[in-house]
PDB file of all heavy atoms in Angstrom:
ATOM      1  N   VAL A   1       1.950 -19.022   3.459  1.00  0.00           N
ATOM      2  CA  VAL A   1       3.139 -19.561   4.110  1.00  0.00           C
ATOM      3  C   VAL A   1       3.073 -21.080   4.117  1.00  0.00           C
ATOM      4  O   VAL A   1       2.340 -21.628   4.930  1.00  0.00           O
ATOM      5  CB  VAL A   1       3.423 -18.970   5.466  1.00  0.00           C
ATOM      6  CG1 VAL A   1       4.648 -19.601   6.116  1.00  0.00           C
ATOM      7  CG2 VAL A   1       3.474 -17.477   5.422  1.00  0.00           C
ATOM      8  N   TYR A   2       3.773 -21.772   3.202  1.00  0.00           N
ATOM      9  CA  TYR A   2       3.731 -23.244   3.194  1.00  0.00           C
ATOM     10  C   TYR A   2       5.000 -23.842   3.736  1.00  0.00           C
ATOM     11  O   TYR A   2       5.126 -24.973   4.177  1.00  0.00           O
ATOM     12  CB  TYR A   2       3.527 -23.691   1.743  1.00  0.00           C
ATOM     13  CG  TYR A   2       2.219 -23.226   1.152  1.00  0.00           C
ATOM     14  CD1 TYR A   2       2.205 -22.243   0.212  1.00  0.00           C
ATOM     15  CD2 TYR A   2       0.992 -23.697   1.598  1.00  0.00           C
ATOM     16  CE1 TYR A   2       1.023 -21.688  -0.309  1.00  0.00           C
ATOM     17  CE2 TYR A   2      -0.205 -23.214   1.071  1.00  0.00           C
ATOM     18  CZ  TYR A   2      -0.148 -22.272   0.094  1.00  0.00           C
ATOM     19  OH  TYR A   2      -1.354 -21.799  -0.398  1.00  0.00           O
ATOM     20  N   THR A   3       6.165 -23.040   3.606  1.00  0.00           N
ATOM     21  CA  THR A   3       7.438 -23.592   4.065  1.00  0.00           C
ATOM     22  C   THR A   3       8.105 -22.484   4.947  1.00  0.00           C
ATOM     23  O   THR A   3       7.636 -21.379   4.949  1.00  0.00           O
ATOM     24  CB  THR A   3       8.265 -24.026   2.913  1.00  0.00           C
ATOM     25  OG1 THR A   3       8.559 -22.832   2.168  1.00  0.00           O
ATOM     26  CG2 THR A   3       7.639 -25.059   2.029  1.00  0.00           C
ATOM     27  N   VAL A   4       9.242 -22.950   5.573  1.00  0.00           N
ATOM     28  CA  VAL A   4       9.993 -21.967   6.350  1.00  0.00           C
ATOM     29  C   VAL A   4      10.622 -20.990   5.391  1.00  0.00           C
ATOM     30  O   VAL A   4      10.772 -19.733   5.709  1.00  0.00           O
ATOM     31  CB  VAL A   4      11.109 -22.773   7.147  1.00  0.00           C
ATOM     32  CG1 VAL A   4      11.996 -21.729   7.863  1.00  0.00           C
ATOM     33  CG2 VAL A   4      10.459 -23.708   8.100  1.00  0.00           C
ATOM     34  N   ALA A   5      10.978 -21.434   4.158  1.00  0.00           N
ATOM     35  CA  ALA A   5      11.562 -20.411   3.219  1.00  0.00           C
ATOM     36  C   ALA A   5      10.549 -19.364   2.830  1.00  0.00           C
ATOM     37  O   ALA A   5      10.921 -18.182   2.688  1.00  0.00           O
ATOM     38  CB  ALA A   5      12.022 -21.211   2.012  1.00  0.00           C
ATOM     39  N   ASP A   6       9.260 -19.799   2.649  1.00  0.00           N
ATOM     40  CA  ASP A   6       8.238 -18.795   2.358  1.00  0.00           C
ATOM     41  C   ASP A   6       8.041 -17.784   3.497  1.00  0.00           C
ATOM     42  O   ASP A   6       7.835 -16.563   3.290  1.00  0.00           O
ATOM     43  CB  ASP A   6       6.925 -19.451   2.101  1.00  0.00           C
ATOM     44  CG  ASP A   6       6.948 -20.331   0.759  1.00  0.00           C
ATOM     45  OD1 ASP A   6       7.860 -19.957  -0.053  1.00  0.00           O
ATOM     46  OD2 ASP A   6       6.111 -21.220   0.559  1.00  0.00           O
ATOM     47  N   PHE A   7       8.141 -18.278   4.694  1.00  0.00           N
ATOM     48  CA  PHE A   7       7.989 -17.461   5.841  1.00  0.00           C
ATOM     49  C   PHE A   7       9.156 -16.438   5.923  1.00  0.00           C
ATOM     50  O   PHE A   7       8.994 -15.234   6.243  1.00  0.00           O
ATOM     51  CB  PHE A   7       7.987 -18.208   7.136  1.00  0.00           C
ATOM     52  CG  PHE A   7       7.769 -17.409   8.389  1.00  0.00           C
ATOM     53  CD1 PHE A   7       6.564 -16.887   8.746  1.00  0.00           C
ATOM     54  CD2 PHE A   7       8.931 -16.995   9.136  1.00  0.00           C
ATOM     55  CE1 PHE A   7       6.452 -16.037   9.888  1.00  0.00           C
ATOM     56  CE2 PHE A   7       8.796 -16.300  10.282  1.00  0.00           C
ATOM     57  CZ  PHE A   7       7.549 -15.696  10.598  1.00  0.00           C
ATOM     58  N   LYS A   8      10.402 -16.899   5.628  1.00  0.00           N
ATOM     59  CA  LYS A   8      11.546 -16.020   5.515  1.00  0.00           C
ATOM     60  C   LYS A   8      11.482 -14.964   4.472  1.00  0.00           C
ATOM     61  O   LYS A   8      11.944 -13.859   4.607  1.00  0.00           O
ATOM     62  CB  LYS A   8      12.867 -16.804   5.415  1.00  0.00           C
ATOM     63  CG  LYS A   8      13.134 -17.681   6.719  1.00  0.00           C
ATOM     64  CD  LYS A   8      14.455 -18.428   6.517  1.00  0.00           C
ATOM     65  CE  LYS A   8      14.737 -19.252   7.804  1.00  0.00           C
ATOM     66  NZ  LYS A   8      16.055 -20.005   7.624  1.00  0.00           N
ATOM     67  N   ASN A   9      10.873 -15.334   3.295  1.00  0.00           N
ATOM     68  CA  ASN A   9      10.747 -14.362   2.244  1.00  0.00           C
ATOM     69  C   ASN A   9       9.670 -13.349   2.494  1.00  0.00           C
ATOM     70  O   ASN A   9       9.491 -12.342   1.794  1.00  0.00           O
ATOM     71  CB  ASN A   9      10.289 -15.113   0.936  1.00  0.00           C
ATOM     72  CG  ASN A   9      11.532 -15.914   0.471  1.00  0.00           C
ATOM     73  OD1 ASN A   9      12.722 -15.624   0.703  1.00  0.00           O
ATOM     74  ND2 ASN A   9      11.183 -16.965  -0.289  1.00  0.00           N
ATOM     75  N   ARG A  10       8.904 -13.551   3.592  1.00  0.00           N
ATOM     76  CA  ARG A  10       7.928 -12.585   4.023  1.00  0.00           C
ATOM     77  C   ARG A  10       6.971 -12.145   2.914  1.00  0.00           C
ATOM     78  O   ARG A  10       7.045 -11.073   2.357  1.00  0.00           O
ATOM     79  CB  ARG A  10       8.582 -11.278   4.582  1.00  0.00           C
ATOM     80  CG  ARG A  10       9.394 -11.617   5.905  1.00  0.00           C
ATOM     81  CD  ARG A  10       9.927 -10.259   6.419  1.00  0.00           C
ATOM     82  NE  ARG A  10      10.707 -10.560   7.631  1.00  0.00           N
ATOM     83  CZ  ARG A  10      11.285  -9.665   8.374  1.00  0.00           C
ATOM     84  NH1 ARG A  10      11.150  -8.335   7.969  1.00  0.00           N
ATOM     85  NH2 ARG A  10      11.952  -9.971   9.445  1.00  0.00           N
ATOM     86  N   GLN A  11       6.066 -13.050   2.731  1.00  0.00           N
ATOM     87  CA  GLN A  11       4.909 -12.699   1.762  1.00  0.00           C
ATOM     88  C   GLN A  11       3.959 -11.749   2.454  1.00  0.00           C
ATOM     89  O   GLN A  11       3.269 -12.177   3.325  1.00  0.00           O
ATOM     90  CB  GLN A  11       4.242 -13.956   1.228  1.00  0.00           C
ATOM     91  CG  GLN A  11       5.204 -14.965   0.550  1.00  0.00           C
ATOM     92  CD  GLN A  11       5.708 -14.426  -0.781  1.00  0.00           C
ATOM     93  OE1 GLN A  11       4.951 -13.594  -1.435  1.00  0.00           O
ATOM     94  NE2 GLN A  11       6.926 -14.755  -1.150  1.00  0.00           N
ATOM     95  N   PHE A  12       3.912 -10.521   2.023  1.00  0.00           N
ATOM     96  CA  PHE A  12       3.115  -9.517   2.588  1.00  0.00           C
ATOM     97  C   PHE A  12       1.908  -9.135   1.781  1.00  0.00           C
ATOM     98  O   PHE A  12       1.860  -9.348   0.586  1.00  0.00           O
ATOM     99  CB  PHE A  12       3.926  -8.215   2.859  1.00  0.00           C
ATOM    100  CG  PHE A  12       4.966  -8.267   3.869  1.00  0.00           C
ATOM    101  CD1 PHE A  12       6.370  -8.206   3.541  1.00  0.00           C
ATOM    102  CD2 PHE A  12       4.639  -8.521   5.162  1.00  0.00           C
ATOM    103  CE1 PHE A  12       7.238  -8.262   4.519  1.00  0.00           C
ATOM    104  CE2 PHE A  12       5.644  -8.588   6.217  1.00  0.00           C
ATOM    105  CZ  PHE A  12       6.982  -8.562   5.831  1.00  0.00           C
ATOM    106  N   GLN A  13       0.889  -8.676   2.489  1.00  0.00           N
ATOM    107  CA  GLN A  13      -0.163  -7.867   1.873  1.00  0.00           C
ATOM    108  C   GLN A  13      -0.027  -6.503   2.425  1.00  0.00           C
ATOM    109  O   GLN A  13       0.444  -6.199   3.426  1.00  0.00           O
ATOM    110  CB  GLN A  13      -1.546  -8.409   2.272  1.00  0.00           C
ATOM    111  CG  GLN A  13      -1.865  -9.675   1.513  1.00  0.00           C
ATOM    112  CD  GLN A  13      -3.337 -10.049   1.681  1.00  0.00           C
ATOM    113  OE1 GLN A  13      -4.037  -9.368   2.431  1.00  0.00           O
ATOM    114  NE2 GLN A  13      -3.776 -11.032   0.917  1.00  0.00           N
ATOM    115  N   TYR A  14      -0.269  -5.501   1.465  1.00  0.00           N
ATOM    116  CA  TYR A  14      -0.042  -4.112   1.774  1.00  0.00           C
ATOM    117  C   TYR A  14      -1.339  -3.334   1.838  1.00  0.00           C
ATOM    118  O   TYR A  14      -2.283  -3.524   1.145  1.00  0.00           O
ATOM    119  CB  TYR A  14       0.916  -3.472   0.701  1.00  0.00           C
ATOM    120  CG  TYR A  14       2.278  -4.100   0.610  1.00  0.00           C
ATOM    121  CD1 TYR A  14       2.448  -5.239  -0.214  1.00  0.00           C
ATOM    122  CD2 TYR A  14       3.315  -3.698   1.341  1.00  0.00           C
ATOM    123  CE1 TYR A  14       3.646  -5.839  -0.329  1.00  0.00           C
ATOM    124  CE2 TYR A  14       4.540  -4.254   1.270  1.00  0.00           C
ATOM    125  CZ  TYR A  14       4.761  -5.374   0.459  1.00  0.00           C
ATOM    126  OH  TYR A  14       5.976  -5.910   0.345  1.00  0.00           O
ATOM    127  N   MET A  15      -1.317  -2.428   2.781  1.00  0.00           N
ATOM    128  CA  MET A  15      -2.496  -1.527   2.966  1.00  0.00           C
ATOM    129  C   MET A  15      -2.113  -0.096   2.994  1.00  0.00           C
ATOM    130  O   MET A  15      -1.015   0.309   3.538  1.00  0.00           O
ATOM    131  CB  MET A  15      -3.149  -1.878   4.313  1.00  0.00           C
ATOM    132  CG  MET A  15      -4.518  -1.174   4.538  1.00  0.00           C
ATOM    133  SD  MET A  15      -5.366  -1.785   6.001  1.00  0.00           S
ATOM    134  CE  MET A  15      -4.194  -1.321   7.317  1.00  0.00           C
ATOM    135  N   MET A  16      -2.891   0.706   2.418  1.00  0.00           N
ATOM    136  CA  MET A  16      -2.615   2.134   2.226  1.00  0.00           C
ATOM    137  C   MET A  16      -2.778   2.893   3.575  1.00  0.00           C
ATOM    138  O   MET A  16      -3.757   2.665   4.288  1.00  0.00           O
ATOM    139  CB  MET A  16      -3.550   2.789   1.207  1.00  0.00           C
ATOM    140  CG  MET A  16      -3.055   4.096   0.580  1.00  0.00           C
ATOM    141  SD  MET A  16      -4.216   4.572  -0.745  1.00  0.00           S
ATOM    142  CE  MET A  16      -3.351   5.912  -1.412  1.00  0.00           C
ATOM    143  N   SER A  17      -1.867   3.753   3.966  1.00  0.00           N
ATOM    144  CA  SER A  17      -2.017   4.584   5.194  1.00  0.00           C
ATOM    145  C   SER A  17      -2.968   5.666   4.993  1.00  0.00           C
ATOM    146  O   SER A  17      -3.266   6.076   3.855  1.00  0.00           O
ATOM    147  CB  SER A  17      -0.598   5.104   5.685  1.00  0.00           C
ATOM    148  OG  SER A  17      -0.152   6.024   4.672  1.00  0.00           O
ATOM    149  N   GLN A  18      -3.471   6.181   6.094  1.00  0.00           N
ATOM    150  CA  GLN A  18      -4.467   7.271   6.049  1.00  0.00           C
ATOM    151  C   GLN A  18      -3.903   8.554   5.450  1.00  0.00           C
ATOM    152  O   GLN A  18      -4.522   9.257   4.625  1.00  0.00           O
ATOM    153  CB  GLN A  18      -5.070   7.533   7.476  1.00  0.00           C
ATOM    154  CG  GLN A  18      -6.180   8.504   7.491  1.00  0.00           C
ATOM    155  CD  GLN A  18      -7.430   7.988   6.765  1.00  0.00           C
ATOM    156  OE1 GLN A  18      -7.658   6.785   6.655  1.00  0.00           O
ATOM    157  NE2 GLN A  18      -8.179   8.935   6.066  1.00  0.00           N
ATOM    158  N   ILE A  19      -2.617   8.894   5.770  1.00  0.00           N
ATOM    159  CA  ILE A  19      -2.000  10.045   5.186  1.00  0.00           C
ATOM    160  C   ILE A  19      -1.812   9.875   3.745  1.00  0.00           C
ATOM    161  O   ILE A  19      -2.062  10.882   2.952  1.00  0.00           O
ATOM    162  CB  ILE A  19      -0.622  10.357   5.932  1.00  0.00           C
ATOM    163  CG1 ILE A  19      -0.958  10.666   7.402  1.00  0.00           C
ATOM    164  CG2 ILE A  19       0.068  11.494   5.313  1.00  0.00           C
ATOM    165  CD1 ILE A  19       0.351  10.870   8.218  1.00  0.00           C
ATOM    166  N   ALA A  20      -1.364   8.704   3.326  1.00  0.00           N
ATOM    167  CA  ALA A  20      -1.186   8.502   1.880  1.00  0.00           C
ATOM    168  C   ALA A  20      -2.530   8.599   1.120  1.00  0.00           C
ATOM    169  O   ALA A  20      -2.593   9.052  -0.010  1.00  0.00           O
ATOM    170  CB  ALA A  20      -0.504   7.199   1.696  1.00  0.00           C
ATOM    171  N   LEU A  21      -3.575   8.109   1.739  1.00  0.00           N
ATOM    172  CA  LEU A  21      -4.890   8.288   1.127  1.00  0.00           C
ATOM    173  C   LEU A  21      -5.290   9.689   0.921  1.00  0.00           C
ATOM    174  O   LEU A  21      -5.770  10.058  -0.186  1.00  0.00           O
ATOM    175  CB  LEU A  21      -5.932   7.483   1.983  1.00  0.00           C
ATOM    176  CG  LEU A  21      -7.370   7.522   1.502  1.00  0.00           C
ATOM    177  CD1 LEU A  21      -7.501   6.702   0.193  1.00  0.00           C
ATOM    178  CD2 LEU A  21      -8.298   6.935   2.625  1.00  0.00           C
ATOM    179  N   GLU A  22      -4.949  10.538   1.815  1.00  0.00           N
ATOM    180  CA  GLU A  22      -5.406  11.959   1.659  1.00  0.00           C
ATOM    181  C   GLU A  22      -4.441  12.585   0.647  1.00  0.00           C
ATOM    182  O   GLU A  22      -4.898  13.431  -0.132  1.00  0.00           O
ATOM    183  CB  GLU A  22      -5.177  12.667   2.993  1.00  0.00           C
ATOM    184  CG  GLU A  22      -6.190  12.284   4.118  1.00  0.00           C
ATOM    185  CD  GLU A  22      -7.612  12.545   3.726  1.00  0.00           C
ATOM    186  OE1 GLU A  22      -7.882  13.484   2.948  1.00  0.00           O
ATOM    187  OE2 GLU A  22      -8.515  11.795   4.189  1.00  0.00           O
ATOM    188  N   ILE A  23      -3.188  12.278   0.627  1.00  0.00           N
ATOM    189  CA  ILE A  23      -2.356  12.798  -0.399  1.00  0.00           C
ATOM    190  C   ILE A  23      -2.730  12.363  -1.794  1.00  0.00           C
ATOM    191  O   ILE A  23      -2.734  13.222  -2.718  1.00  0.00           O
ATOM    192  CB  ILE A  23      -0.866  12.366  -0.103  1.00  0.00           C
ATOM    193  CG1 ILE A  23      -0.347  12.951   1.148  1.00  0.00           C
ATOM    194  CG2 ILE A  23       0.021  12.679  -1.264  1.00  0.00           C
ATOM    195  CD1 ILE A  23       1.032  12.450   1.631  1.00  0.00           C
ATOM    196  N   GLU A  24      -3.116  11.179  -1.998  1.00  0.00           N
ATOM    197  CA  GLU A  24      -3.577  10.636  -3.293  1.00  0.00           C
ATOM    198  C   GLU A  24      -4.784  11.342  -3.673  1.00  0.00           C
ATOM    199  O   GLU A  24      -5.117  11.711  -4.898  1.00  0.00           O
ATOM    200  CB  GLU A  24      -3.645   9.152  -3.297  1.00  0.00           C
ATOM    201  CG  GLU A  24      -3.746   8.565  -4.729  1.00  0.00           C
ATOM    202  CD  GLU A  24      -2.524   8.814  -5.554  1.00  0.00           C
ATOM    203  OE1 GLU A  24      -1.451   9.000  -4.948  1.00  0.00           O
ATOM    204  OE2 GLU A  24      -2.633   8.841  -6.793  1.00  0.00           O
ATOM    205  N   ARG A  25      -5.743  11.558  -2.715  1.00  0.00           N
ATOM    206  CA  ARG A  25      -6.991  12.224  -2.998  1.00  0.00           C
ATOM    207  C   ARG A  25      -6.712  13.626  -3.436  1.00  0.00           C
ATOM    208  O   ARG A  25      -7.345  14.251  -4.329  1.00  0.00           O
ATOM    209  CB  ARG A  25      -7.861  12.191  -1.776  1.00  0.00           C
ATOM    210  CG  ARG A  25      -9.278  12.849  -1.991  1.00  0.00           C
ATOM    211  CD  ARG A  25     -10.137  12.744  -0.754  1.00  0.00           C
ATOM    212  NE  ARG A  25     -10.570  11.415  -0.485  1.00  0.00           N
ATOM    213  CZ  ARG A  25     -10.202  10.760   0.592  1.00  0.00           C
ATOM    214  NH1 ARG A  25      -9.395  11.355   1.521  1.00  0.00           N
ATOM    215  NH2 ARG A  25     -10.568   9.494   0.795  1.00  0.00           N
ATOM    216  N   MET A  26      -5.663  14.282  -2.815  1.00  0.00           N
ATOM    217  CA  MET A  26      -5.274  15.692  -3.192  1.00  0.00           C
ATOM    218  C   MET A  26      -4.746  15.694  -4.652  1.00  0.00           C
ATOM    219  O   MET A  26      -5.041  16.596  -5.412  1.00  0.00           O
ATOM    220  CB  MET A  26      -4.255  16.142  -2.240  1.00  0.00           C
ATOM    221  CG  MET A  26      -3.721  17.566  -2.609  1.00  0.00           C
ATOM    222  SD  MET A  26      -2.180  17.957  -1.720  1.00  0.00           S
ATOM    223  CE  MET A  26      -1.087  16.780  -2.479  1.00  0.00           C
ATOM    224  N   THR A  27      -3.966  14.720  -5.055  1.00  0.00           N
ATOM    225  CA  THR A  27      -3.433  14.631  -6.401  1.00  0.00           C
ATOM    226  C   THR A  27      -4.552  14.531  -7.423  1.00  0.00           C
ATOM    227  O   THR A  27      -4.480  15.132  -8.513  1.00  0.00           O
ATOM    228  CB  THR A  27      -2.431  13.486  -6.561  1.00  0.00           C
ATOM    229  OG1 THR A  27      -3.161  12.213  -6.303  1.00  0.00           O
ATOM    230  CG2 THR A  27      -1.223  13.626  -5.621  1.00  0.00           C
ATOM    231  N   ILE A  28      -5.519  13.763  -7.155  1.00  0.00           N
ATOM    232  CA  ILE A  28      -6.752  13.590  -8.085  1.00  0.00           C
ATOM    233  C   ILE A  28      -7.362  14.968  -8.151  1.00  0.00           C
ATOM    234  O   ILE A  28      -7.826  15.392  -9.244  1.00  0.00           O
ATOM    235  CB  ILE A  28      -7.689  12.497  -7.610  1.00  0.00           C
ATOM    236  CG1 ILE A  28      -6.949  11.206  -7.746  1.00  0.00           C
ATOM    237  CG2 ILE A  28      -8.927  12.521  -8.416  1.00  0.00           C
ATOM    238  CD1 ILE A  28      -7.752   9.991  -7.210  1.00  0.00           C
ATOM    239  N   THR A  29      -7.525  15.763  -7.036  1.00  0.00           N
ATOM    240  CA  THR A  29      -8.160  16.994  -7.018  1.00  0.00           C
ATOM    241  C   THR A  29      -7.392  17.924  -7.908  1.00  0.00           C
ATOM    242  O   THR A  29      -7.981  18.731  -8.648  1.00  0.00           O
ATOM    243  CB  THR A  29      -8.259  17.574  -5.640  1.00  0.00           C
ATOM    244  OG1 THR A  29      -9.063  16.644  -4.794  1.00  0.00           O
ATOM    245  CG2 THR A  29      -8.999  18.915  -5.591  1.00  0.00           C
ATOM    246  N   LEU A  30      -6.021  17.921  -7.779  1.00  0.00           N
ATOM    247  CA  LEU A  30      -5.199  18.761  -8.594  1.00  0.00           C
ATOM    248  C   LEU A  30      -5.244  18.447 -10.104  1.00  0.00           C
ATOM    249  O   LEU A  30      -5.275  19.314 -10.950  1.00  0.00           O
ATOM    250  CB  LEU A  30      -3.731  18.706  -8.157  1.00  0.00           C
ATOM    251  CG  LEU A  30      -3.437  19.243  -6.754  1.00  0.00           C
ATOM    252  CD1 LEU A  30      -1.988  19.017  -6.356  1.00  0.00           C
ATOM    253  CD2 LEU A  30      -3.827  20.712  -6.616  1.00  0.00           C
ATOM    254  N   GLU A  31      -5.368  17.156 -10.390  1.00  0.00           N
ATOM    255  CA  GLU A  31      -5.443  16.759 -11.819  1.00  0.00           C
ATOM    256  C   GLU A  31      -6.798  17.200 -12.484  1.00  0.00           C
ATOM    257  O   GLU A  31      -6.805  17.574 -13.674  1.00  0.00           O
ATOM    258  CB  GLU A  31      -5.355  15.266 -11.915  1.00  0.00           C
ATOM    259  CG  GLU A  31      -3.952  14.689 -11.558  1.00  0.00           C
ATOM    260  CD  GLU A  31      -3.991  13.154 -11.375  1.00  0.00           C
ATOM    261  OE1 GLU A  31      -5.066  12.546 -11.651  1.00  0.00           O
ATOM    262  OE2 GLU A  31      -3.020  12.560 -11.023  1.00  0.00           O
ATOM    263  N   ASN A  32      -7.854  17.288 -11.685  1.00  0.00           N
ATOM    264  CA  ASN A  32      -9.085  17.663 -12.225  1.00  0.00           C
ATOM    265  C   ASN A  32      -9.479  19.110 -11.986  1.00  0.00           C
ATOM    266  O   ASN A  32     -10.627  19.539 -12.178  1.00  0.00           O
ATOM    267  CB  ASN A  32     -10.256  16.805 -11.657  1.00  0.00           C
ATOM    268  CG  ASN A  32     -10.014  15.314 -11.979  1.00  0.00           C
ATOM    269  OD1 ASN A  32      -9.554  14.932 -13.022  1.00  0.00           O
ATOM    270  ND2 ASN A  32     -10.381  14.426 -11.055  1.00  0.00           N
ATOM    271  N   LEU A  33      -8.469  19.900 -11.508  1.00  0.00           N
ATOM    272  CA  LEU A  33      -8.782  21.187 -11.179  1.00  0.00           C
ATOM    273  C   LEU A  33      -9.214  22.089 -12.330  1.00  0.00           C
ATOM    274  O   LEU A  33     -10.079  22.920 -12.336  1.00  0.00           O
ATOM    275  CB  LEU A  33      -7.539  21.848 -10.468  1.00  0.00           C
ATOM    276  CG  LEU A  33      -7.749  23.240  -9.821  1.00  0.00           C
ATOM    277  CD1 LEU A  33      -8.770  23.091  -8.615  1.00  0.00           C
ATOM    278  CD2 LEU A  33      -6.444  23.758  -9.223  1.00  0.00           C
TER     279      LEU A  33
END
């Protein structure tokens, strides 16, 4: 965030939720079944 415009554009970093982690782990299990 260098300017007010950058702050308004909301430069985010994203983190995976725990439920999504388990769902993605399940999809890998199904792919390799």
